[in-house]
Amino acid sequence: MSESPRERYRAQVREEIKRHAWEQIAAAGVPALSLNAIAKQLGMSGPALYRYFASRDELITALIRDAYRSLADTVRAARDAGAGLPGLAGTIGDWARRDPQRYFLIYGTPVPGYHAPGDTTAISSEVMAVLIEACADEPAGEPPTPFDTHLEIHREWAGGHPAPAAALHRALSFWIRLHGVLSLELAGHFAGMKFDPDLLIAEELAALRES
C-alpha cells in the first residue's frame, strides 16, 4: 500500500529533524541536543515538533536505530561480497571515519539518563552475527582456552549462533581490538603520534589470527 501525502510529509519532516539533530551532535555532542532549538531552525513551535518526536529520547533512539541499521547493512553487504576479517575491519573503519559522531553515538560513552529500547540491541547484534560468521571460517586454535569453555554455556549474546565457542571468542576479540583502535583514533588520542592506525589494526588482526 502506497503512503498517503500526509504520511510522506510526516516522513520528510522527521528526516529533516534528524538531519538537524546530527548537526547539533556534530557541533556540541549528544548532551546538547535540543528539540526546541531544532524547532526554531525549522520555523515551527516546540509543541509542533513534538508531534513528530514525542521526546528527546525518542529522537535519540531514532538516530541510534539509523546508525546501527546503516552499519549492519554495510557490514552485511561487504560480507556478501566475499569480505573476510581484514575486509570487514576496513569496512567498519571506513564507516566510522566517514561520520565519527554517528560512530560515537553507538560505540561511545552512554548518554546520561538515556536507556535504549531492546530493538536497538537486536539491530546491533546483526553486526556481531556477521563477525561470528567470518570467524567461523577461520581455522580453530588448539587447545580450547578457558574462555572458550566459558562461552560454551554463555553464548546468549550471540543470538543462538551455532558457531563453535572458539569462533565466538575470536569474534569478541576482533570486535574489542578493532573498536579499541578506532575509538582512540577518532577521539584524537593518536594525534601527534604520526603512525597509521590502519597498520595497527592490521597488526592486531594478524596477531589475533595467529593465536
N, C-alpha and C. Protein backbone atom coordinates (compact mmCIF):
# COMPACT_ATOMS: atom_id res chain seq x y z
N MET A 1 0.85 -1.19 0.00
CA MET A 1 0.00 0.00 0.00
C MET A 1 0.89 1.25 0.00
N SER A 2 0.60 2.18 -0.92
CA SER A 2 1.41 3.38 -1.01
C SER A 2 1.08 4.34 0.13
N GLU A 3 2.05 5.18 0.46
CA GLU A 3 1.85 6.15 1.53
C GLU A 3 0.95 7.29 1.05
N SER A 4 0.19 7.82 1.99
CA SER A 4 -0.64 8.98 1.68
C SER A 4 0.24 10.22 1.66
N PRO A 5 -0.21 11.31 1.05
CA PRO A 5 0.56 12.56 1.08
C PRO A 5 0.90 12.99 2.51
N ARG A 6 0.00 12.81 3.44
CA ARG A 6 0.26 13.19 4.84
C ARG A 6 1.39 12.34 5.42
N GLU A 7 1.36 11.05 5.12
CA GLU A 7 2.41 10.16 5.63
C GLU A 7 3.76 10.51 5.03
N ARG A 8 3.77 10.83 3.74
CA ARG A 8 5.03 11.22 3.10
C ARG A 8 5.56 12.51 3.70
N TYR A 9 4.67 13.45 3.96
CA TYR A 9 5.10 14.72 4.55
C TYR A 9 5.66 14.49 5.94
N ARG A 10 4.98 13.66 6.72
CA ARG A 10 5.46 13.36 8.07
C ARG A 10 6.85 12.73 8.03
N ALA A 11 7.06 11.79 7.11
CA ALA A 11 8.36 11.13 6.99
C ALA A 11 9.44 12.14 6.60
N GLN A 12 9.10 13.08 5.70
CA GLN A 12 10.06 14.09 5.28
C GLN A 12 10.45 15.00 6.43
N VAL A 13 9.46 15.40 7.23
CA VAL A 13 9.76 16.28 8.36
C VAL A 13 10.61 15.55 9.39
N ARG A 14 10.31 14.28 9.65
CA ARG A 14 11.11 13.51 10.59
C ARG A 14 12.57 13.41 10.12
N GLU A 15 12.76 13.21 8.83
CA GLU A 15 14.13 13.16 8.30
C GLU A 15 14.83 14.50 8.45
N GLU A 16 14.10 15.58 8.25
CA GLU A 16 14.68 16.92 8.41
C GLU A 16 15.06 17.17 9.86
N ILE A 17 14.22 16.74 10.77
CA ILE A 17 14.52 16.88 12.19
C ILE A 17 15.79 16.10 12.53
N LYS A 18 15.91 14.89 12.03
CA LYS A 18 17.09 14.07 12.31
C LYS A 18 18.35 14.71 11.71
N ARG A 19 18.20 15.33 10.54
CA ARG A 19 19.37 15.99 9.94
C ARG A 19 19.87 17.11 10.83
N HIS A 20 18.96 17.92 11.35
CA HIS A 20 19.36 19.00 12.25
C HIS A 20 19.92 18.44 13.56
N ALA A 21 19.38 17.32 14.01
CA ALA A 21 19.89 16.70 15.23
C ALA A 21 21.34 16.27 15.05
N TRP A 22 21.65 15.67 13.90
CA TRP A 22 23.03 15.27 13.65
C TRP A 22 23.96 16.48 13.61
N GLU A 23 23.48 17.58 13.06
CA GLU A 23 24.29 18.80 13.02
C GLU A 23 24.57 19.31 14.43
N GLN A 24 23.56 19.25 15.30
CA GLN A 24 23.77 19.66 16.69
C GLN A 24 24.78 18.75 17.37
N ILE A 25 24.63 17.45 17.16
CA ILE A 25 25.53 16.49 17.79
C ILE A 25 26.96 16.71 17.32
N ALA A 26 27.12 16.97 16.04
CA ALA A 26 28.47 17.20 15.50
C ALA A 26 29.09 18.46 16.09
N ALA A 27 28.26 19.45 16.39
CA ALA A 27 28.77 20.72 16.91
C ALA A 27 29.05 20.69 18.40
N ALA A 28 28.21 19.99 19.17
CA ALA A 28 28.33 20.09 20.64
C ALA A 28 28.10 18.78 21.38
N GLY A 29 27.91 17.69 20.66
CA GLY A 29 27.71 16.41 21.32
C GLY A 29 26.26 16.13 21.66
N VAL A 30 25.97 14.87 21.98
CA VAL A 30 24.60 14.45 22.27
C VAL A 30 23.99 15.19 23.46
N PRO A 31 24.74 15.44 24.56
CA PRO A 31 24.11 16.11 25.70
C PRO A 31 23.50 17.47 25.36
N ALA A 32 24.00 18.10 24.30
CA ALA A 32 23.49 19.43 23.93
C ALA A 32 22.28 19.36 23.00
N LEU A 33 21.85 18.16 22.64
CA LEU A 33 20.73 18.01 21.72
C LEU A 33 19.47 18.66 22.29
N SER A 34 18.84 19.53 21.51
CA SER A 34 17.68 20.29 21.98
C SER A 34 16.59 20.28 20.93
N LEU A 35 15.43 19.72 21.27
CA LEU A 35 14.31 19.71 20.35
C LEU A 35 13.79 21.12 20.10
N ASN A 36 13.82 21.96 21.13
CA ASN A 36 13.35 23.34 20.95
C ASN A 36 14.23 24.10 19.96
N ALA A 37 15.55 23.87 20.05
CA ALA A 37 16.45 24.54 19.11
C ALA A 37 16.19 24.06 17.68
N ILE A 38 15.94 22.76 17.53
CA ILE A 38 15.64 22.22 16.19
C ILE A 38 14.34 22.82 15.68
N ALA A 39 13.34 22.95 16.56
CA ALA A 39 12.06 23.53 16.15
C ALA A 39 12.26 24.95 15.61
N LYS A 40 13.10 25.73 16.28
CA LYS A 40 13.37 27.10 15.82
C LYS A 40 14.03 27.09 14.45
N GLN A 41 14.97 26.17 14.24
CA GLN A 41 15.63 26.08 12.94
C GLN A 41 14.65 25.74 11.83
N LEU A 42 13.62 24.96 12.17
CA LEU A 42 12.64 24.54 11.17
C LEU A 42 11.47 25.52 11.07
N GLY A 43 11.49 26.56 11.91
CA GLY A 43 10.43 27.54 11.86
C GLY A 43 9.11 27.04 12.41
N MET A 44 9.17 26.13 13.38
CA MET A 44 7.95 25.64 13.99
C MET A 44 8.04 25.78 15.50
N SER A 45 6.94 25.64 16.17
CA SER A 45 6.92 25.73 17.63
C SER A 45 7.40 24.42 18.23
N GLY A 46 7.82 24.49 19.49
CA GLY A 46 8.23 23.27 20.19
C GLY A 46 7.13 22.23 20.22
N PRO A 47 5.89 22.61 20.62
CA PRO A 47 4.80 21.63 20.63
C PRO A 47 4.55 21.00 19.26
N ALA A 48 4.75 21.77 18.19
CA ALA A 48 4.53 21.21 16.85
C ALA A 48 5.57 20.14 16.55
N LEU A 49 6.81 20.37 16.95
CA LEU A 49 7.85 19.37 16.70
C LEU A 49 7.59 18.09 17.48
N TYR A 50 7.01 18.23 18.67
CA TYR A 50 6.75 17.05 19.50
C TYR A 50 5.69 16.14 18.88
N ARG A 51 5.03 16.59 17.84
CA ARG A 51 4.11 15.69 17.13
C ARG A 51 4.89 14.69 16.28
N TYR A 52 6.17 15.00 16.00
CA TYR A 52 6.99 14.10 15.19
C TYR A 52 7.90 13.23 16.04
N PHE A 53 8.39 13.78 17.13
CA PHE A 53 9.16 13.03 18.11
C PHE A 53 8.66 13.46 19.49
N ALA A 54 8.10 12.52 20.22
CA ALA A 54 7.43 12.85 21.48
C ALA A 54 8.39 13.29 22.57
N SER A 55 9.68 12.99 22.41
CA SER A 55 10.66 13.35 23.43
C SER A 55 12.05 13.34 22.83
N ARG A 56 12.97 13.92 23.56
CA ARG A 56 14.38 13.90 23.15
C ARG A 56 14.88 12.46 23.07
N ASP A 57 14.47 11.62 24.02
CA ASP A 57 14.91 10.22 24.00
C ASP A 57 14.39 9.49 22.76
N GLU A 58 13.18 9.81 22.34
CA GLU A 58 12.65 9.17 21.14
C GLU A 58 13.46 9.56 19.91
N LEU A 59 13.90 10.81 19.87
CA LEU A 59 14.74 11.26 18.76
C LEU A 59 16.10 10.57 18.80
N ILE A 60 16.69 10.48 19.98
CA ILE A 60 17.97 9.78 20.11
C ILE A 60 17.84 8.33 19.67
N THR A 61 16.74 7.69 20.05
CA THR A 61 16.52 6.31 19.66
C THR A 61 16.45 6.17 18.15
N ALA A 62 15.79 7.11 17.49
CA ALA A 62 15.70 7.06 16.03
C ALA A 62 17.08 7.21 15.40
N LEU A 63 17.91 8.08 15.96
CA LEU A 63 19.26 8.26 15.43
C LEU A 63 20.10 7.01 15.64
N ILE A 64 19.96 6.38 16.80
CA ILE A 64 20.71 5.16 17.09
C ILE A 64 20.28 4.04 16.15
N ARG A 65 18.97 3.91 15.95
CA ARG A 65 18.48 2.87 15.03
C ARG A 65 19.04 3.09 13.63
N ASP A 66 19.02 4.33 13.17
CA ASP A 66 19.54 4.64 11.83
C ASP A 66 21.02 4.29 11.74
N ALA A 67 21.78 4.63 12.78
CA ALA A 67 23.22 4.36 12.77
C ALA A 67 23.49 2.86 12.73
N TYR A 68 22.85 2.11 13.61
CA TYR A 68 23.04 0.66 13.62
C TYR A 68 22.59 0.03 12.30
N ARG A 69 21.45 0.52 11.77
CA ARG A 69 20.95 -0.04 10.51
C ARG A 69 21.94 0.19 9.39
N SER A 70 22.51 1.39 9.35
CA SER A 70 23.50 1.71 8.32
C SER A 70 24.72 0.81 8.44
N LEU A 71 25.23 0.65 9.67
CA LEU A 71 26.41 -0.19 9.85
C LEU A 71 26.10 -1.65 9.56
N ALA A 72 24.98 -2.15 10.05
CA ALA A 72 24.64 -3.55 9.81
C ALA A 72 24.51 -3.84 8.32
N ASP A 73 23.85 -2.96 7.60
CA ASP A 73 23.68 -3.16 6.15
C ASP A 73 25.02 -3.08 5.42
N THR A 74 25.88 -2.16 5.86
CA THR A 74 27.20 -2.00 5.22
C THR A 74 28.06 -3.23 5.45
N VAL A 75 28.06 -3.74 6.68
CA VAL A 75 28.87 -4.92 7.01
C VAL A 75 28.33 -6.16 6.29
N ARG A 76 27.02 -6.32 6.26
CA ARG A 76 26.43 -7.47 5.58
C ARG A 76 26.75 -7.44 4.09
N ALA A 77 26.67 -6.26 3.48
CA ALA A 77 26.98 -6.15 2.05
C ALA A 77 28.43 -6.53 1.78
N ALA A 78 29.34 -6.10 2.65
CA ALA A 78 30.75 -6.44 2.48
C ALA A 78 30.96 -7.94 2.61
N ARG A 79 30.31 -8.55 3.58
CA ARG A 79 30.44 -10.00 3.77
C ARG A 79 29.87 -10.75 2.58
N ASP A 80 28.71 -10.33 2.09
CA ASP A 80 28.09 -10.99 0.95
C ASP A 80 28.95 -10.87 -0.31
N ALA A 81 29.78 -9.82 -0.35
CA ALA A 81 30.69 -9.62 -1.48
C ALA A 81 31.99 -10.41 -1.31
N GLY A 82 32.09 -11.16 -0.20
CA GLY A 82 33.25 -12.03 -0.01
C GLY A 82 34.27 -11.55 1.00
N ALA A 83 33.99 -10.49 1.74
CA ALA A 83 34.97 -9.96 2.69
C ALA A 83 35.18 -10.92 3.86
N GLY A 84 36.46 -11.13 4.20
CA GLY A 84 36.81 -11.86 5.41
C GLY A 84 37.10 -10.86 6.51
N LEU A 85 37.81 -11.29 7.54
CA LEU A 85 38.08 -10.40 8.66
C LEU A 85 38.83 -9.13 8.26
N PRO A 86 39.89 -9.21 7.44
CA PRO A 86 40.57 -7.95 7.06
C PRO A 86 39.64 -6.99 6.33
N GLY A 87 38.83 -7.53 5.41
CA GLY A 87 37.91 -6.68 4.67
C GLY A 87 36.85 -6.07 5.56
N LEU A 88 36.37 -6.85 6.52
CA LEU A 88 35.36 -6.33 7.44
C LEU A 88 35.95 -5.24 8.35
N ALA A 89 37.19 -5.43 8.76
CA ALA A 89 37.85 -4.40 9.56
C ALA A 89 37.94 -3.10 8.78
N GLY A 90 38.32 -3.19 7.50
CA GLY A 90 38.40 -1.99 6.67
C GLY A 90 37.05 -1.36 6.44
N THR A 91 36.03 -2.18 6.26
CA THR A 91 34.67 -1.68 6.04
C THR A 91 34.16 -0.91 7.26
N ILE A 92 34.35 -1.50 8.45
CA ILE A 92 33.89 -0.84 9.67
C ILE A 92 34.69 0.43 9.92
N GLY A 93 36.00 0.37 9.68
CA GLY A 93 36.84 1.56 9.86
C GLY A 93 36.43 2.69 8.95
N ASP A 94 36.17 2.37 7.68
CA ASP A 94 35.75 3.41 6.73
C ASP A 94 34.41 4.01 7.15
N TRP A 95 33.49 3.15 7.60
CA TRP A 95 32.17 3.63 8.03
C TRP A 95 32.32 4.58 9.22
N ALA A 96 33.15 4.21 10.17
CA ALA A 96 33.34 5.03 11.37
C ALA A 96 33.97 6.38 11.03
N ARG A 97 34.95 6.37 10.16
CA ARG A 97 35.66 7.61 9.84
C ARG A 97 34.83 8.57 8.99
N ARG A 98 33.89 8.04 8.25
CA ARG A 98 33.03 8.92 7.45
C ARG A 98 32.17 9.81 8.33
N ASP A 99 31.82 9.33 9.51
CA ASP A 99 30.95 10.11 10.40
C ASP A 99 31.26 9.72 11.85
N PRO A 100 32.32 10.30 12.42
CA PRO A 100 32.71 9.91 13.79
C PRO A 100 31.61 10.12 14.82
N GLN A 101 30.79 11.17 14.69
CA GLN A 101 29.73 11.39 15.67
C GLN A 101 28.70 10.28 15.63
N ARG A 102 28.40 9.79 14.45
CA ARG A 102 27.48 8.65 14.33
C ARG A 102 28.08 7.42 14.99
N TYR A 103 29.39 7.22 14.78
CA TYR A 103 30.08 6.10 15.41
C TYR A 103 30.03 6.21 16.93
N PHE A 104 30.33 7.39 17.46
CA PHE A 104 30.37 7.55 18.91
C PHE A 104 28.98 7.47 19.55
N LEU A 105 27.94 7.77 18.78
CA LEU A 105 26.60 7.65 19.33
C LEU A 105 26.30 6.21 19.72
N ILE A 106 26.82 5.24 18.94
CA ILE A 106 26.52 3.84 19.25
C ILE A 106 27.65 3.11 19.95
N TYR A 107 28.89 3.62 19.84
CA TYR A 107 30.01 2.93 20.48
C TYR A 107 30.77 3.80 21.47
N GLY A 108 30.28 4.99 21.72
CA GLY A 108 30.95 5.88 22.66
C GLY A 108 30.35 5.81 24.05
N THR A 109 30.60 6.84 24.83
CA THR A 109 30.09 6.92 26.20
C THR A 109 28.56 6.97 26.18
N PRO A 110 27.88 6.16 27.00
CA PRO A 110 26.42 6.20 27.03
C PRO A 110 25.89 7.60 27.36
N VAL A 111 24.76 7.93 26.76
CA VAL A 111 24.14 9.23 27.01
C VAL A 111 23.53 9.21 28.42
N PRO A 112 23.91 10.15 29.29
CA PRO A 112 23.37 10.15 30.66
C PRO A 112 21.85 10.18 30.69
N GLY A 113 21.27 9.27 31.45
CA GLY A 113 19.83 9.24 31.62
C GLY A 113 19.05 8.59 30.49
N TYR A 114 19.75 8.16 29.44
CA TYR A 114 19.06 7.56 28.30
C TYR A 114 19.18 6.04 28.36
N HIS A 115 18.09 5.35 28.08
CA HIS A 115 18.09 3.89 28.03
C HIS A 115 17.50 3.45 26.70
N ALA A 116 18.31 2.80 25.90
CA ALA A 116 17.86 2.39 24.57
C ALA A 116 16.88 1.23 24.66
N PRO A 117 15.84 1.23 23.83
CA PRO A 117 14.91 0.10 23.81
C PRO A 117 15.57 -1.15 23.24
N GLY A 118 14.95 -2.29 23.50
CA GLY A 118 15.56 -3.56 23.12
C GLY A 118 15.79 -3.75 21.64
N ASP A 119 14.96 -3.13 20.78
CA ASP A 119 15.13 -3.39 19.35
C ASP A 119 16.42 -2.81 18.80
N THR A 120 16.99 -1.81 19.47
CA THR A 120 18.28 -1.29 19.00
C THR A 120 19.37 -2.33 19.21
N THR A 121 19.28 -3.08 20.31
CA THR A 121 20.24 -4.16 20.55
C THR A 121 20.10 -5.24 19.49
N ALA A 122 18.88 -5.50 19.08
CA ALA A 122 18.65 -6.51 18.05
C ALA A 122 19.33 -6.14 16.74
N ILE A 123 19.27 -4.84 16.39
CA ILE A 123 19.94 -4.40 15.16
C ILE A 123 21.46 -4.52 15.32
N SER A 124 21.98 -4.13 16.47
CA SER A 124 23.43 -4.20 16.67
C SER A 124 23.92 -5.63 16.62
N SER A 125 23.08 -6.58 17.02
CA SER A 125 23.51 -7.98 17.01
C SER A 125 23.71 -8.50 15.59
N GLU A 126 23.11 -7.82 14.61
CA GLU A 126 23.33 -8.22 13.22
C GLU A 126 24.79 -8.04 12.82
N VAL A 127 25.41 -6.99 13.35
CA VAL A 127 26.83 -6.76 13.06
C VAL A 127 27.67 -7.88 13.64
N MET A 128 27.40 -8.23 14.90
CA MET A 128 28.16 -9.30 15.54
C MET A 128 27.94 -10.63 14.83
N ALA A 129 26.72 -10.87 14.32
CA ALA A 129 26.44 -12.12 13.61
C ALA A 129 27.33 -12.26 12.39
N VAL A 130 27.56 -11.15 11.69
CA VAL A 130 28.45 -11.19 10.52
C VAL A 130 29.89 -11.50 10.95
N LEU A 131 30.34 -10.89 12.06
CA LEU A 131 31.69 -11.14 12.54
C LEU A 131 31.85 -12.60 12.96
N ILE A 132 30.85 -13.15 13.63
CA ILE A 132 30.92 -14.56 14.03
C ILE A 132 30.98 -15.45 12.81
N GLU A 133 30.17 -15.13 11.80
CA GLU A 133 30.16 -15.90 10.56
C GLU A 133 31.56 -15.92 9.93
N ALA A 134 32.19 -14.75 9.88
CA ALA A 134 33.53 -14.67 9.29
C ALA A 134 34.55 -15.42 10.14
N CYS A 135 34.42 -15.32 11.45
CA CYS A 135 35.37 -16.01 12.34
C CYS A 135 35.20 -17.52 12.29
N ALA A 136 34.00 -17.98 12.02
CA ALA A 136 33.76 -19.42 11.91
C ALA A 136 34.48 -20.01 10.71
N ASP A 137 34.81 -19.16 9.72
CA ASP A 137 35.56 -19.62 8.54
C ASP A 137 37.05 -19.75 8.81
N GLU A 138 37.51 -19.17 9.92
CA GLU A 138 38.93 -19.19 10.25
C GLU A 138 39.29 -20.52 10.91
N PRO A 139 40.55 -21.00 10.72
CA PRO A 139 40.98 -22.25 11.39
C PRO A 139 40.87 -22.10 12.91
N ALA A 140 40.37 -23.13 13.55
CA ALA A 140 40.23 -23.09 15.01
C ALA A 140 41.57 -23.29 15.68
N GLY A 141 41.80 -22.55 16.76
CA GLY A 141 43.03 -22.71 17.53
C GLY A 141 42.91 -23.92 18.46
N GLU A 142 44.02 -24.44 18.84
CA GLU A 142 44.06 -25.60 19.75
C GLU A 142 45.08 -25.33 20.84
N PRO A 143 44.85 -25.79 22.04
CA PRO A 143 43.60 -26.37 22.53
C PRO A 143 42.62 -25.26 22.92
N PRO A 144 41.37 -25.62 23.31
CA PRO A 144 40.42 -24.59 23.75
C PRO A 144 40.95 -23.85 24.96
N THR A 145 40.69 -22.57 25.00
CA THR A 145 41.12 -21.76 26.15
C THR A 145 40.04 -21.82 27.24
N PRO A 146 40.38 -21.39 28.46
CA PRO A 146 39.34 -21.34 29.50
C PRO A 146 38.15 -20.49 29.10
N PHE A 147 38.40 -19.40 28.37
CA PHE A 147 37.27 -18.55 27.96
C PHE A 147 36.43 -19.25 26.90
N ASP A 148 37.07 -20.04 26.02
CA ASP A 148 36.30 -20.84 25.06
C ASP A 148 35.31 -21.74 25.80
N THR A 149 35.81 -22.41 26.82
CA THR A 149 34.96 -23.30 27.61
C THR A 149 33.84 -22.52 28.28
N HIS A 150 34.17 -21.35 28.78
CA HIS A 150 33.17 -20.50 29.42
C HIS A 150 32.07 -20.11 28.44
N LEU A 151 32.47 -19.81 27.20
CA LEU A 151 31.49 -19.37 26.21
C LEU A 151 30.55 -20.48 25.77
N GLU A 152 30.94 -21.72 25.98
CA GLU A 152 30.05 -22.83 25.60
C GLU A 152 28.71 -22.72 26.31
N ILE A 153 28.71 -22.18 27.52
CA ILE A 153 27.46 -22.07 28.27
C ILE A 153 27.04 -20.61 28.48
N HIS A 154 27.78 -19.68 27.88
CA HIS A 154 27.44 -18.25 27.98
C HIS A 154 27.46 -17.64 26.58
N ARG A 155 26.54 -18.08 25.76
CA ARG A 155 26.51 -17.63 24.37
C ARG A 155 25.20 -16.94 24.01
N GLU A 156 24.43 -16.53 25.02
CA GLU A 156 23.15 -15.87 24.74
C GLU A 156 23.36 -14.60 23.90
N TRP A 157 24.45 -13.88 24.18
CA TRP A 157 24.74 -12.63 23.47
C TRP A 157 24.92 -12.87 21.97
N ALA A 158 25.22 -14.12 21.58
CA ALA A 158 25.45 -14.44 20.17
C ALA A 158 24.16 -14.80 19.44
N GLY A 159 23.03 -14.66 20.12
CA GLY A 159 21.75 -14.89 19.46
C GLY A 159 21.52 -16.31 19.01
N GLY A 160 22.11 -17.27 19.72
CA GLY A 160 21.91 -18.66 19.36
C GLY A 160 22.71 -19.12 18.16
N HIS A 161 23.72 -18.33 17.76
CA HIS A 161 24.56 -18.72 16.61
C HIS A 161 25.24 -20.05 16.91
N PRO A 162 25.19 -21.00 15.97
CA PRO A 162 25.75 -22.33 16.23
C PRO A 162 27.27 -22.44 16.10
N ALA A 163 27.95 -21.35 15.86
CA ALA A 163 29.41 -21.40 15.68
C ALA A 163 30.08 -21.97 16.92
N PRO A 164 31.24 -22.63 16.73
CA PRO A 164 31.99 -23.13 17.89
C PRO A 164 32.38 -21.99 18.83
N ALA A 165 32.58 -22.34 20.08
CA ALA A 165 32.92 -21.32 21.08
C ALA A 165 34.19 -20.57 20.70
N ALA A 166 35.14 -21.26 20.06
CA ALA A 166 36.38 -20.59 19.65
C ALA A 166 36.11 -19.48 18.65
N ALA A 167 35.12 -19.68 17.77
CA ALA A 167 34.75 -18.64 16.81
C ALA A 167 34.09 -17.46 17.51
N LEU A 168 33.27 -17.75 18.51
CA LEU A 168 32.65 -16.67 19.28
C LEU A 168 33.73 -15.86 19.99
N HIS A 169 34.71 -16.56 20.56
CA HIS A 169 35.81 -15.90 21.26
C HIS A 169 36.57 -15.00 20.29
N ARG A 170 36.84 -15.52 19.11
CA ARG A 170 37.60 -14.74 18.13
C ARG A 170 36.81 -13.52 17.68
N ALA A 171 35.50 -13.67 17.50
CA ALA A 171 34.67 -12.53 17.10
C ALA A 171 34.68 -11.44 18.17
N LEU A 172 34.59 -11.83 19.42
CA LEU A 172 34.67 -10.87 20.51
C LEU A 172 36.02 -10.17 20.52
N SER A 173 37.08 -10.94 20.34
CA SER A 173 38.43 -10.36 20.36
C SER A 173 38.62 -9.39 19.18
N PHE A 174 38.11 -9.78 18.02
CA PHE A 174 38.17 -8.91 16.84
C PHE A 174 37.44 -7.60 17.13
N TRP A 175 36.24 -7.70 17.69
CA TRP A 175 35.40 -6.54 17.99
C TRP A 175 36.10 -5.61 18.99
N ILE A 176 36.71 -6.20 20.03
CA ILE A 176 37.38 -5.40 21.06
C ILE A 176 38.61 -4.70 20.49
N ARG A 177 39.42 -5.43 19.74
CA ARG A 177 40.65 -4.84 19.20
C ARG A 177 40.33 -3.75 18.18
N LEU A 178 39.39 -4.03 17.28
CA LEU A 178 39.06 -3.05 16.25
C LEU A 178 38.49 -1.78 16.85
N HIS A 179 37.51 -1.93 17.74
CA HIS A 179 36.89 -0.75 18.31
C HIS A 179 37.81 -0.04 19.30
N GLY A 180 38.71 -0.77 19.90
CA GLY A 180 39.69 -0.12 20.76
C GLY A 180 40.54 0.87 19.97
N VAL A 181 41.03 0.42 18.82
CA VAL A 181 41.86 1.30 17.99
C VAL A 181 41.02 2.44 17.41
N LEU A 182 39.85 2.10 16.86
CA LEU A 182 39.02 3.13 16.24
C LEU A 182 38.59 4.20 17.24
N SER A 183 38.19 3.78 18.43
CA SER A 183 37.73 4.74 19.44
C SER A 183 38.85 5.70 19.83
N LEU A 184 40.04 5.17 20.02
CA LEU A 184 41.17 6.03 20.37
C LEU A 184 41.53 6.96 19.22
N GLU A 185 41.52 6.42 18.00
CA GLU A 185 41.85 7.24 16.83
C GLU A 185 40.86 8.38 16.66
N LEU A 186 39.56 8.06 16.67
CA LEU A 186 38.54 9.07 16.39
C LEU A 186 38.40 10.08 17.51
N ALA A 187 38.81 9.69 18.72
CA ALA A 187 38.79 10.63 19.84
C ALA A 187 40.03 11.52 19.85
N GLY A 188 40.94 11.30 18.92
CA GLY A 188 42.11 12.15 18.80
C GLY A 188 43.30 11.77 19.66
N HIS A 189 43.24 10.57 20.26
CA HIS A 189 44.33 10.18 21.16
C HIS A 189 45.61 9.80 20.43
N PHE A 190 45.52 9.59 19.12
CA PHE A 190 46.73 9.29 18.35
C PHE A 190 47.32 10.54 17.71
N ALA A 191 46.68 11.68 17.91
CA ALA A 191 47.16 12.92 17.28
C ALA A 191 48.60 13.20 17.72
N GLY A 192 49.44 13.50 16.76
CA GLY A 192 50.83 13.79 17.07
C GLY A 192 51.72 12.56 17.13
N MET A 193 51.12 11.37 17.17
CA MET A 193 51.93 10.15 17.24
C MET A 193 52.45 9.73 15.86
N LYS A 194 51.77 10.20 14.82
CA LYS A 194 52.24 10.08 13.43
C LYS A 194 52.44 8.64 12.97
N PHE A 195 51.54 7.75 13.40
CA PHE A 195 51.57 6.41 12.81
C PHE A 195 50.21 6.15 12.16
N ASP A 196 50.18 5.12 11.33
CA ASP A 196 48.99 4.79 10.57
C ASP A 196 48.11 3.83 11.37
N PRO A 197 46.94 4.28 11.83
CA PRO A 197 46.08 3.38 12.61
C PRO A 197 45.66 2.13 11.86
N ASP A 198 45.55 2.22 10.52
CA ASP A 198 45.18 1.03 9.75
C ASP A 198 46.24 -0.05 9.85
N LEU A 199 47.50 0.35 9.90
CA LEU A 199 48.57 -0.64 10.06
C LEU A 199 48.50 -1.27 11.45
N LEU A 200 48.15 -0.47 12.45
CA LEU A 200 47.99 -1.02 13.80
C LEU A 200 46.85 -2.03 13.83
N ILE A 201 45.72 -1.70 13.18
CA ILE A 201 44.60 -2.63 13.11
C ILE A 201 45.02 -3.91 12.41
N ALA A 202 45.78 -3.78 11.32
CA ALA A 202 46.24 -4.96 10.59
C ALA A 202 47.13 -5.84 11.47
N GLU A 203 48.00 -5.21 12.26
CA GLU A 203 48.87 -5.98 13.16
C GLU A 203 48.05 -6.68 14.24
N GLU A 204 47.06 -5.98 14.79
CA GLU A 204 46.20 -6.58 15.81
C GLU A 204 45.44 -7.77 15.23
N LEU A 205 44.96 -7.61 14.01
CA LEU A 205 44.21 -8.68 13.35
C LEU A 205 45.12 -9.87 13.06
N ALA A 206 46.35 -9.60 12.60
CA ALA A 206 47.30 -10.68 12.34
C ALA A 206 47.61 -11.45 13.62
N ALA A 207 47.81 -10.73 14.70
CA ALA A 207 48.08 -11.38 15.98
C ALA A 207 46.91 -12.23 16.43
N LEU A 208 45.70 -11.74 16.20
CA LEU A 208 44.51 -12.50 16.56
C LEU A 208 44.41 -13.78 15.76
N ARG A 209 44.69 -13.70 14.48
CA ARG A 209 44.54 -14.86 13.60
C ARG A 209 45.63 -15.90 13.87
N GLU A 210 46.73 -15.46 14.45
CA GLU A 210 47.81 -16.41 14.78
C GLU A 210 47.63 -17.06 16.13
N SER A 211 46.72 -16.50 16.94
CA SER A 211 46.56 -17.01 18.30
C SER A 211 45.73 -18.29 18.34
